[in-house]
All heavy atoms as atom14 arrays in JSON, in Angstrom:
{
  "sequence": "PNDLVFDALGNLYVTDHGKRDGRTLGLGAIHYGAPDGSFLRPVVS",
  "atom14_mask": [
    [1, 1, 1, 1, 1, 1, 1, 0, 0, 0, 0, 0, 0, 0],
    [1, 1, 1, 1, 1, 1, 1, 1, 0, 0, 0, 0, 0, 0],
    [1, 1, 1, 1, 1, 1, 1, 1, 0, 0, 0, 0, 0, 0],
    [1, 1, 1, 1, 1, 1, 1, 1, 0, 0, 0, 0, 0, 0],
    [1, 1, 1, 1, 1, 1, 1, 0, 0, 0, 0, 0, 0, 0],
    [1, 1, 1, 1, 1, 1, 1, 1, 1, 1, 1, 0, 0, 0],
    [1, 1, 1, 1, 1, 1, 1, 1, 0, 0, 0, 0, 0, 0],
    [1, 1, 1, 1, 1, 0, 0, 0, 0, 0, 0, 0, 0, 0],
    [1, 1, 1, 1, 1, 1, 1, 1, 0, 0, 0, 0, 0, 0],
    [1, 1, 1, 1, 0, 0, 0, 0, 0, 0, 0, 0, 0, 0],
    [1, 1, 1, 1, 1, 1, 1, 1, 0, 0, 0, 0, 0, 0],
    [1, 1, 1, 1, 1, 1, 1, 1, 0, 0, 0, 0, 0, 0],
    [1, 1, 1, 1, 1, 1, 1, 1, 1, 1, 1, 1, 0, 0],
    [1, 1, 1, 1, 1, 1, 1, 0, 0, 0, 0, 0, 0, 0],
    [1, 1, 1, 1, 1, 1, 1, 0, 0, 0, 0, 0, 0, 0],
    [1, 1, 1, 1, 1, 1, 1, 1, 0, 0, 0, 0, 0, 0],
    [1, 1, 1, 1, 1, 1, 1, 1, 1, 1, 0, 0, 0, 0],
    [1, 1, 1, 1, 0, 0, 0, 0, 0, 0, 0, 0, 0, 0],
    [1, 1, 1, 1, 1, 1, 1, 1, 1, 0, 0, 0, 0, 0],
    [1, 1, 1, 1, 1, 1, 1, 1, 1, 1, 1, 0, 0, 0],
    [1, 1, 1, 1, 1, 1, 1, 1, 0, 0, 0, 0, 0, 0],
    [1, 1, 1, 1, 0, 0, 0, 0, 0, 0, 0, 0, 0, 0],
    [1, 1, 1, 1, 1, 1, 1, 1, 1, 1, 1, 0, 0, 0],
    [1, 1, 1, 1, 1, 1, 1, 0, 0, 0, 0, 0, 0, 0],
    [1, 1, 1, 1, 1, 1, 1, 1, 0, 0, 0, 0, 0, 0],
    [1, 1, 1, 1, 0, 0, 0, 0, 0, 0, 0, 0, 0, 0],
    [1, 1, 1, 1, 1, 1, 1, 1, 0, 0, 0, 0, 0, 0],
    [1, 1, 1, 1, 0, 0, 0, 0, 0, 0, 0, 0, 0, 0],
    [1, 1, 1, 1, 1, 0, 0, 0, 0, 0, 0, 0, 0, 0],
    [1, 1, 1, 1, 1, 1, 1, 1, 0, 0, 0, 0, 0, 0],
    [1, 1, 1, 1, 1, 1, 1, 1, 1, 1, 0, 0, 0, 0],
    [1, 1, 1, 1, 1, 1, 1, 1, 1, 1, 1, 1, 0, 0],
    [1, 1, 1, 1, 0, 0, 0, 0, 0, 0, 0, 0, 0, 0],
    [1, 1, 1, 1, 1, 0, 0, 0, 0, 0, 0, 0, 0, 0],
    [1, 1, 1, 1, 1, 1, 1, 0, 0, 0, 0, 0, 0, 0],
    [1, 1, 1, 1, 1, 1, 1, 1, 0, 0, 0, 0, 0, 0],
    [1, 1, 1, 1, 0, 0, 0, 0, 0, 0, 0, 0, 0, 0],
    [1, 1, 1, 1, 1, 1, 0, 0, 0, 0, 0, 0, 0, 0],
    [1, 1, 1, 1, 1, 1, 1, 1, 1, 1, 1, 0, 0, 0],
    [1, 1, 1, 1, 1, 1, 1, 1, 0, 0, 0, 0, 0, 0],
    [1, 1, 1, 1, 1, 1, 1, 1, 1, 1, 1, 0, 0, 0],
    [1, 1, 1, 1, 1, 1, 1, 0, 0, 0, 0, 0, 0, 0],
    [1, 1, 1, 1, 1, 1, 1, 0, 0, 0, 0, 0, 0, 0],
    [1, 1, 1, 1, 1, 1, 1, 0, 0, 0, 0, 0, 0, 0],
    [1, 1, 1, 1, 1, 1, 0, 0, 0, 0, 0, 0, 0, 0]
  ],
  "atom14_positions": [
    [[0.82, -1.21, 0.0], [0.0, 0.0, 0.0], [0.86, 1.26, 0.0], [1.88, 1.32, 0.71], [-0.82, -0.14, 1.28], [-0.92, -1.62, 1.48], [0.41, -2.16, 1.04], [0.0, 0.0, 0.0], [0.0, 0.0, 0.0], [0.0, 0.0, 0.0], [0.0, 0.0, 0.0], [0.0, 0.0, 0.0], [0.0, 0.0, 0.0], [0.0, 0.0, 0.0]],
    [[0.45, 2.25, -0.8], [1.35, 3.36, -1.07], [0.76, 4.74, -0.75], [1.35, 5.52, -0.04], [1.78, 3.29, -2.53], [2.9, 4.24, -2.87], [2.7, 5.45, -2.93], [4.09, 3.72, -3.08], [0.0, 0.0, 0.0], [0.0, 0.0, 0.0], [0.0, 0.0, 0.0], [0.0, 0.0, 0.0], [0.0, 0.0, 0.0], [0.0, 0.0, 0.0]],
    [[-0.42, 5.04, -1.29], [-0.97, 6.39, -1.14], [-2.49, 6.27, -1.04], [-3.09, 5.29, -1.48], [-0.58, 7.27, -2.32], [-0.84, 8.74, -2.07], [-0.85, 9.16, -0.9], [-1.07, 9.48, -3.05], [0.0, 0.0, 0.0], [0.0, 0.0, 0.0], [0.0, 0.0, 0.0], [0.0, 0.0, 0.0], [0.0, 0.0, 0.0], [0.0, 0.0, 0.0]],
    [[-3.14, 7.31, -0.49], [-4.58, 7.25, -0.3], [-5.2, 8.62, -0.28], [-4.54, 9.64, -0.05], [-4.91, 6.5, 1.0], [-4.42, 7.07, 2.33], [-5.22, 6.46, 3.48], [-2.95, 6.77, 2.56], [0.0, 0.0, 0.0], [0.0, 0.0, 0.0], [0.0, 0.0, 0.0], [0.0, 0.0, 0.0], [0.0, 0.0, 0.0], [0.0, 0.0, 0.0]],
    [[-6.53, 8.65, -0.58], [-7.29, 9.89, -0.57], [-8.72, 9.56, -0.12], [-9.26, 8.51, -0.47], [-7.28, 10.56, -1.96], [-8.01, 9.73, -3.01], [-7.87, 11.96, -1.9], [0.0, 0.0, 0.0], [0.0, 0.0, 0.0], [0.0, 0.0, 0.0], [0.0, 0.0, 0.0], [0.0, 0.0, 0.0], [0.0, 0.0, 0.0], [0.0, 0.0, 0.0]],
    [[-9.32, 10.47, 0.65], [-10.69, 10.28, 1.11], [-11.68, 10.91, 0.15], [-11.41, 11.95, -0.46], [-10.87, 10.9, 2.5], [-10.38, 10.03, 3.61], [-9.1, 10.18, 4.12], [-11.2, 9.06, 4.16], [-8.65, 9.37, 5.14], [-10.78, 8.25, 5.18], [-9.49, 8.4, 5.68], [0.0, 0.0, 0.0], [0.0, 0.0, 0.0], [0.0, 0.0, 0.0]],
    [[-12.86, 10.28, 0.03], [-13.94, 10.88, -0.74], [-14.9, 11.6, 0.21], [-14.71, 11.64, 1.43], [-14.66, 9.84, -1.61], [-15.44, 8.79, -0.82], [-15.58, 8.92, 0.42], [-15.94, 7.85, -1.45], [0.0, 0.0, 0.0], [0.0, 0.0, 0.0], [0.0, 0.0, 0.0], [0.0, 0.0, 0.0], [0.0, 0.0, 0.0], [0.0, 0.0, 0.0]],
    [[-15.98, 12.18, -0.34], [-16.9, 12.98, 0.45], [-17.7, 12.15, 1.44], [-18.29, 12.7, 2.38], [-17.83, 13.75, -0.46], [0.0, 0.0, 0.0], [0.0, 0.0, 0.0], [0.0, 0.0, 0.0], [0.0, 0.0, 0.0], [0.0, 0.0, 0.0], [0.0, 0.0, 0.0], [0.0, 0.0, 0.0], [0.0, 0.0, 0.0], [0.0, 0.0, 0.0]],
    [[-17.75, 10.83, 1.25], [-18.46, 9.97, 2.18], [-17.59, 9.55, 3.36], [-18.06, 8.9, 4.3], [-18.96, 8.7, 1.47], [-20.0, 8.91, 0.37], [-20.39, 7.57, -0.24], [-21.24, 9.61, 0.94], [0.0, 0.0, 0.0], [0.0, 0.0, 0.0], [0.0, 0.0, 0.0], [0.0, 0.0, 0.0], [0.0, 0.0, 0.0], [0.0, 0.0, 0.0]],
    [[-16.31, 9.92, 3.31], [-15.42, 9.54, 4.39], [-14.78, 8.18, 4.2], [-14.17, 7.65, 5.12], [0.0, 0.0, 0.0], [0.0, 0.0, 0.0], [0.0, 0.0, 0.0], [0.0, 0.0, 0.0], [0.0, 0.0, 0.0], [0.0, 0.0, 0.0], [0.0, 0.0, 0.0], [0.0, 0.0, 0.0], [0.0, 0.0, 0.0], [0.0, 0.0, 0.0]],
    [[-14.9, 7.63, 2.99], [-14.21, 6.39, 2.66], [-12.96, 6.72, 1.85], [-12.77, 7.85, 1.39], [-15.13, 5.45, 1.9], [-16.28, 4.96, 2.74], [-16.12, 4.71, 3.95], [-17.46, 4.83, 2.15], [0.0, 0.0, 0.0], [0.0, 0.0, 0.0], [0.0, 0.0, 0.0], [0.0, 0.0, 0.0], [0.0, 0.0, 0.0], [0.0, 0.0, 0.0]],
    [[-12.1, 5.73, 1.66], [-10.8, 6.02, 1.07], [-10.53, 5.15, -0.15], [-10.94, 4.0, -0.24], [-9.7, 5.83, 2.1], [-9.58, 4.47, 2.81], [-8.56, 3.58, 2.1], [-9.17, 4.67, 4.25], [0.0, 0.0, 0.0], [0.0, 0.0, 0.0], [0.0, 0.0, 0.0], [0.0, 0.0, 0.0], [0.0, 0.0, 0.0], [0.0, 0.0, 0.0]],
    [[-9.83, 5.79, -1.09], [-9.18, 5.06, -2.2], [-7.7, 4.94, -1.86], [-7.07, 5.92, -1.45], [-9.33, 5.83, -3.51], [-10.74, 5.92, -4.05], [-11.58, 6.97, -3.71], [-11.23, 4.94, -4.93], [-12.88, 7.06, -4.21], [-12.52, 5.01, -5.44], [-13.34, 6.07, -5.07], [-14.61, 6.15, -5.56], [0.0, 0.0, 0.0], [0.0, 0.0, 0.0]],
    [[-7.15, 3.74, -2.01], [-5.76, 3.5, -1.67], [-5.09, 2.7, -2.79], [-5.69, 1.77, -3.34], [-5.62, 2.78, -0.32], [-6.38, 1.47, -0.3], [-4.16, 2.58, 0.08], [0.0, 0.0, 0.0], [0.0, 0.0, 0.0], [0.0, 0.0, 0.0], [0.0, 0.0, 0.0], [0.0, 0.0, 0.0], [0.0, 0.0, 0.0], [0.0, 0.0, 0.0]],
    [[-3.88, 3.08, -3.15], [-3.12, 2.35, -4.14], [-2.28, 1.25, -3.49], [-1.75, 1.45, -2.4], [-2.19, 3.27, -4.96], [-1.35, 4.0, -4.05], [-2.98, 4.24, -5.82], [0.0, 0.0, 0.0], [0.0, 0.0, 0.0], [0.0, 0.0, 0.0], [0.0, 0.0, 0.0], [0.0, 0.0, 0.0], [0.0, 0.0, 0.0], [0.0, 0.0, 0.0]],
    [[-2.2, 0.12, -4.18], [-1.25, -0.93, -3.82], [-0.21, -0.95, -4.94], [-0.51, -1.31, -6.09], [-1.95, -2.28, -3.69], [-1.02, -3.37, -3.16], [0.2, -3.23, -3.31], [-1.53, -4.37, -2.61], [0.0, 0.0, 0.0], [0.0, 0.0, 0.0], [0.0, 0.0, 0.0], [0.0, 0.0, 0.0], [0.0, 0.0, 0.0], [0.0, 0.0, 0.0]],
    [[0.99, -0.54, -4.6], [2.07, -0.35, -5.58], [2.52, -1.66, -6.21], [3.05, -1.67, -7.33], [3.24, 0.32, -4.87], [4.36, 0.78, -5.75], [4.23, 1.87, -6.59], [5.62, 0.33, -5.89], [5.38, 2.07, -7.22], [6.24, 1.15, -6.82], [0.0, 0.0, 0.0], [0.0, 0.0, 0.0], [0.0, 0.0, 0.0], [0.0, 0.0, 0.0]],
    [[2.31, -2.79, -5.5], [2.84, -4.07, -5.95], [4.27, -4.26, -5.45], [4.97, -3.31, -5.12], [0.0, 0.0, 0.0], [0.0, 0.0, 0.0], [0.0, 0.0, 0.0], [0.0, 0.0, 0.0], [0.0, 0.0, 0.0], [0.0, 0.0, 0.0], [0.0, 0.0, 0.0], [0.0, 0.0, 0.0], [0.0, 0.0, 0.0], [0.0, 0.0, 0.0]],
    [[4.68, -5.51, -5.37], [6.05, -5.83, -4.98], [6.87, -6.18, -6.21], [6.37, -6.81, -7.15], [6.06, -7.03, -4.03], [5.5, -6.75, -2.64], [6.47, -5.95, -1.78], [5.98, -5.89, -0.33], [6.86, -5.06, 0.51], [0.0, 0.0, 0.0], [0.0, 0.0, 0.0], [0.0, 0.0, 0.0], [0.0, 0.0, 0.0], [0.0, 0.0, 0.0]],
    [[8.12, -5.76, -6.22], [9.0, -6.1, -7.33], [10.41, -6.33, -6.81], [10.82, -5.79, -5.78], [8.99, -5.01, -8.41], [9.55, -3.66, -8.01], [9.35, -2.66, -9.13], [10.02, -1.39, -8.93], [9.48, -0.34, -8.32], [8.26, -0.44, -7.82], [10.16, 0.77, -8.18], [0.0, 0.0, 0.0], [0.0, 0.0, 0.0], [0.0, 0.0, 0.0]],
    [[11.14, -7.16, -7.55], [12.56, -7.37, -7.27], [13.28, -7.36, -8.61], [12.75, -6.86, -9.61], [12.79, -8.68, -6.49], [12.22, -9.91, -7.18], [12.18, -9.93, -8.44], [11.82, -10.86, -6.48], [0.0, 0.0, 0.0], [0.0, 0.0, 0.0], [0.0, 0.0, 0.0], [0.0, 0.0, 0.0], [0.0, 0.0, 0.0], [0.0, 0.0, 0.0]],
    [[14.49, -7.89, -8.65], [15.26, -7.84, -9.88], [14.73, -8.71, -11.0], [15.14, -8.56, -12.15], [0.0, 0.0, 0.0], [0.0, 0.0, 0.0], [0.0, 0.0, 0.0], [0.0, 0.0, 0.0], [0.0, 0.0, 0.0], [0.0, 0.0, 0.0], [0.0, 0.0, 0.0], [0.0, 0.0, 0.0], [0.0, 0.0, 0.0], [0.0, 0.0, 0.0]],
    [[13.76, -9.61, -10.68], [13.29, -10.55, -11.7], [11.78, -10.54, -11.89], [11.3, -10.99, -12.94], [13.74, -11.97, -11.32], [15.24, -12.16, -11.26], [15.59, -13.54, -10.68], [15.11, -14.6, -11.55], [15.86, -15.26, -12.4], [17.15, -14.96, -12.51], [15.38, -16.22, -13.15], [0.0, 0.0, 0.0], [0.0, 0.0, 0.0], [0.0, 0.0, 0.0]],
    [[11.03, -10.09, -10.9], [9.57, -10.2, -10.97], [8.91, -8.88, -10.58], [9.49, -8.06, -9.86], [9.03, -11.31, -10.04], [9.36, -10.97, -8.67], [9.64, -12.65, -10.4], [0.0, 0.0, 0.0], [0.0, 0.0, 0.0], [0.0, 0.0, 0.0], [0.0, 0.0, 0.0], [0.0, 0.0, 0.0], [0.0, 0.0, 0.0], [0.0, 0.0, 0.0]],
    [[7.67, -8.71, -11.05], [6.88, -7.53, -10.76], [5.46, -7.97, -10.47], [4.83, -8.61, -11.31], [6.89, -6.55, -11.94], [5.9, -5.39, -11.9], [6.22, -4.44, -10.75], [5.9, -4.62, -13.22], [0.0, 0.0, 0.0], [0.0, 0.0, 0.0], [0.0, 0.0, 0.0], [0.0, 0.0, 0.0], [0.0, 0.0, 0.0], [0.0, 0.0, 0.0]],
    [[4.97, -7.63, -9.3], [3.58, -7.88, -8.96], [2.7, -6.73, -9.42], [3.0, -5.56, -9.14], [0.0, 0.0, 0.0], [0.0, 0.0, 0.0], [0.0, 0.0, 0.0], [0.0, 0.0, 0.0], [0.0, 0.0, 0.0], [0.0, 0.0, 0.0], [0.0, 0.0, 0.0], [0.0, 0.0, 0.0], [0.0, 0.0, 0.0], [0.0, 0.0, 0.0]],
    [[1.64, -7.02, -10.15], [0.74, -5.97, -10.61], [0.06, -5.29, -9.44], [-0.23, -5.91, -8.42], [-0.29, -6.55, -11.58], [0.26, -7.09, -12.9], [-0.88, -7.68, -13.74], [0.98, -5.99, -13.68], [0.0, 0.0, 0.0], [0.0, 0.0, 0.0], [0.0, 0.0, 0.0], [0.0, 0.0, 0.0], [0.0, 0.0, 0.0], [0.0, 0.0, 0.0]],
    [[-0.21, -4.01, -9.61], [-0.81, -3.22, -8.55], [-2.29, -2.99, -8.75], [-2.9, -3.48, -9.71], [0.0, 0.0, 0.0], [0.0, 0.0, 0.0], [0.0, 0.0, 0.0], [0.0, 0.0, 0.0], [0.0, 0.0, 0.0], [0.0, 0.0, 0.0], [0.0, 0.0, 0.0], [0.0, 0.0, 0.0], [0.0, 0.0, 0.0], [0.0, 0.0, 0.0]],
    [[-2.89, -2.23, -7.83], [-4.33, -2.04, -7.83], [-4.71, -0.8, -7.06], [-3.88, -0.19, -6.36], [-5.01, -3.26, -7.19], [0.0, 0.0, 0.0], [0.0, 0.0, 0.0], [0.0, 0.0, 0.0], [0.0, 0.0, 0.0], [0.0, 0.0, 0.0], [0.0, 0.0, 0.0], [0.0, 0.0, 0.0], [0.0, 0.0, 0.0], [0.0, 0.0, 0.0]],
    [[-5.98, -0.4, -7.23], [-6.6, 0.61, -6.37], [-7.72, -0.08, -5.62], [-8.49, -0.86, -6.19], [-7.17, 1.79, -7.2], [-6.09, 2.41, -8.07], [-7.79, 2.83, -6.28], [-6.64, 3.45, -9.05], [0.0, 0.0, 0.0], [0.0, 0.0, 0.0], [0.0, 0.0, 0.0], [0.0, 0.0, 0.0], [0.0, 0.0, 0.0], [0.0, 0.0, 0.0]],
    [[-7.81, 0.2, -4.31], [-8.84, -0.4, -3.47], [-9.69, 0.73, -2.86], [-9.24, 1.88, -2.79], [-8.23, -1.25, -2.37], [-7.33, -2.34, -2.89], [-7.83, -3.58, -3.24], [-6.0, -2.38, -3.12], [-6.83, -4.33, -3.67], [-5.71, -3.63, -3.61], [0.0, 0.0, 0.0], [0.0, 0.0, 0.0], [0.0, 0.0, 0.0], [0.0, 0.0, 0.0]],
    [[-10.88, 0.36, -2.39], [-11.81, 1.31, -1.78], [-12.3, 0.72, -0.47], [-12.7, -0.44, -0.44], [-12.98, 1.58, -2.71], [-13.99, 2.6, -2.21], [-13.7, 3.96, -2.24], [-15.24, 2.21, -1.73], [-14.63, 4.9, -1.81], [-16.18, 3.14, -1.32], [-15.87, 4.49, -1.35], [-16.79, 5.42, -0.92], [0.0, 0.0, 0.0], [0.0, 0.0, 0.0]],
    [[-12.27, 1.51, 0.58], [-12.71, 0.97, 1.87], [-13.04, 2.03, 2.88], [-12.92, 3.25, 2.63], [0.0, 0.0, 0.0], [0.0, 0.0, 0.0], [0.0, 0.0, 0.0], [0.0, 0.0, 0.0], [0.0, 0.0, 0.0], [0.0, 0.0, 0.0], [0.0, 0.0, 0.0], [0.0, 0.0, 0.0], [0.0, 0.0, 0.0], [0.0, 0.0, 0.0]],
    [[-13.46, 1.58, 4.05], [-13.84, 2.45, 5.15], [-12.66, 2.6, 6.12], [-11.85, 1.68, 6.27], [-15.06, 1.88, 5.88], [0.0, 0.0, 0.0], [0.0, 0.0, 0.0], [0.0, 0.0, 0.0], [0.0, 0.0, 0.0], [0.0, 0.0, 0.0], [0.0, 0.0, 0.0], [0.0, 0.0, 0.0], [0.0, 0.0, 0.0], [0.0, 0.0, 0.0]],
    [[-12.57, 3.74, 6.81], [-11.44, 3.94, 7.72], [-11.62, 3.28, 9.08], [-10.79, 3.48, 9.97], [-11.4, 5.48, 7.86], [-12.82, 5.9, 7.7], [-13.4, 4.95, 6.68], [0.0, 0.0, 0.0], [0.0, 0.0, 0.0], [0.0, 0.0, 0.0], [0.0, 0.0, 0.0], [0.0, 0.0, 0.0], [0.0, 0.0, 0.0], [0.0, 0.0, 0.0]],
    [[-12.7, 2.48, 9.23], [-12.93, 1.8, 10.51], [-12.66, 0.31, 10.44], [-12.92, -0.43, 11.4], [-14.36, 2.03, 10.99], [-15.42, 1.51, 10.01], [-15.04, 0.9, 8.98], [-16.62, 1.7, 10.28], [0.0, 0.0, 0.0], [0.0, 0.0, 0.0], [0.0, 0.0, 0.0], [0.0, 0.0, 0.0], [0.0, 0.0, 0.0], [0.0, 0.0, 0.0]],
    [[-12.15, -0.19, 9.31], [-11.83, -1.6, 9.17], [-13.0, -2.47, 8.76], [-12.86, -3.7, 8.73], [0.0, 0.0, 0.0], [0.0, 0.0, 0.0], [0.0, 0.0, 0.0], [0.0, 0.0, 0.0], [0.0, 0.0, 0.0], [0.0, 0.0, 0.0], [0.0, 0.0, 0.0], [0.0, 0.0, 0.0], [0.0, 0.0, 0.0], [0.0, 0.0, 0.0]],
    [[-14.13, -1.87, 8.36], [-15.33, -2.67, 8.09], [-15.35, -3.27, 6.69], [-15.97, -4.31, 6.48], [-16.6, -1.83, 8.32], [-16.61, -0.7, 7.47], [0.0, 0.0, 0.0], [0.0, 0.0, 0.0], [0.0, 0.0, 0.0], [0.0, 0.0, 0.0], [0.0, 0.0, 0.0], [0.0, 0.0, 0.0], [0.0, 0.0, 0.0], [0.0, 0.0, 0.0]],
    [[-14.69, -2.63, 5.7], [-14.64, -3.24, 4.37], [-13.54, -2.6, 3.54], [-13.21, -1.43, 3.71], [-15.99, -3.11, 3.62], [-16.24, -1.73, 3.04], [-15.85, -1.42, 1.74], [-16.87, -0.74, 3.79], [-16.08, -0.16, 1.19], [-17.09, 0.52, 3.26], [-16.71, 0.81, 1.95], [0.0, 0.0, 0.0], [0.0, 0.0, 0.0], [0.0, 0.0, 0.0]],
    [[-12.96, -3.41, 2.67], [-12.0, -2.97, 1.68], [-12.17, -3.87, 0.47], [-12.2, -5.09, 0.6], [-10.57, -3.06, 2.2], [-9.47, -2.55, 1.24], [-9.53, -1.03, 1.16], [-8.08, -2.99, 1.7], [0.0, 0.0, 0.0], [0.0, 0.0, 0.0], [0.0, 0.0, 0.0], [0.0, 0.0, 0.0], [0.0, 0.0, 0.0], [0.0, 0.0, 0.0]],
    [[-12.3, -3.28, -0.72], [-12.52, -4.08, -1.93], [-11.74, -3.48, -3.1], [-11.48, -2.27, -3.15], [-14.01, -4.13, -2.27], [-14.65, -2.79, -2.6], [-16.09, -2.96, -3.09], [-16.69, -1.7, -3.52], [-17.46, -0.96, -2.77], [-17.74, -1.31, -1.51], [-17.98, 0.18, -3.25], [0.0, 0.0, 0.0], [0.0, 0.0, 0.0], [0.0, 0.0, 0.0]],
    [[-11.37, -4.33, -4.08], [-10.66, -3.82, -5.24], [-11.56, -2.96, -6.14], [-12.75, -3.22, -6.28], [-10.23, -5.09, -5.98], [-10.41, -6.21, -5.0], [-11.51, -5.78, -4.09], [0.0, 0.0, 0.0], [0.0, 0.0, 0.0], [0.0, 0.0, 0.0], [0.0, 0.0, 0.0], [0.0, 0.0, 0.0], [0.0, 0.0, 0.0], [0.0, 0.0, 0.0]],
    [[-10.96, -1.94, -6.74], [-11.67, -1.08, -7.69], [-11.07, -1.2, -9.08], [-11.79, -1.35, -10.07], [-11.6, 0.4, -7.22], [-12.27, 1.33, -8.24], [-12.24, 0.57, -5.85], [0.0, 0.0, 0.0], [0.0, 0.0, 0.0], [0.0, 0.0, 0.0], [0.0, 0.0, 0.0], [0.0, 0.0, 0.0], [0.0, 0.0, 0.0], [0.0, 0.0, 0.0]],
    [[-9.75, -1.12, -9.19], [-9.03, -1.25, -10.45], [-7.86, -2.2, -10.2], [-7.14, -2.06, -9.2], [-8.5, 0.1, -10.97], [-7.74, -0.09, -12.28], [-9.62, 1.1, -11.14], [0.0, 0.0, 0.0], [0.0, 0.0, 0.0], [0.0, 0.0, 0.0], [0.0, 0.0, 0.0], [0.0, 0.0, 0.0], [0.0, 0.0, 0.0], [0.0, 0.0, 0.0]],
    [[-7.64, -3.14, -11.11], [-6.51, -4.04, -11.01], [-5.67, -3.97, -12.28], [-6.05, -3.31, -13.26], [-6.98, -5.48, -10.75], [-7.82, -5.91, -11.81], [0.0, 0.0, 0.0], [0.0, 0.0, 0.0], [0.0, 0.0, 0.0], [0.0, 0.0, 0.0], [0.0, 0.0, 0.0], [0.0, 0.0, 0.0], [0.0, 0.0, 0.0], [0.0, 0.0, 0.0]]
  ]
}
């Protein structure tokens, strides 16, 4: 997880940068969730 921004409802969009090393790259995503731990789901992969 890398960066995040809140929307007007008080929920957040957060980027997952992915993991990479010298040989492999994990694809990243944007997720959407609540700041109280109640839900987080993928938005863009």
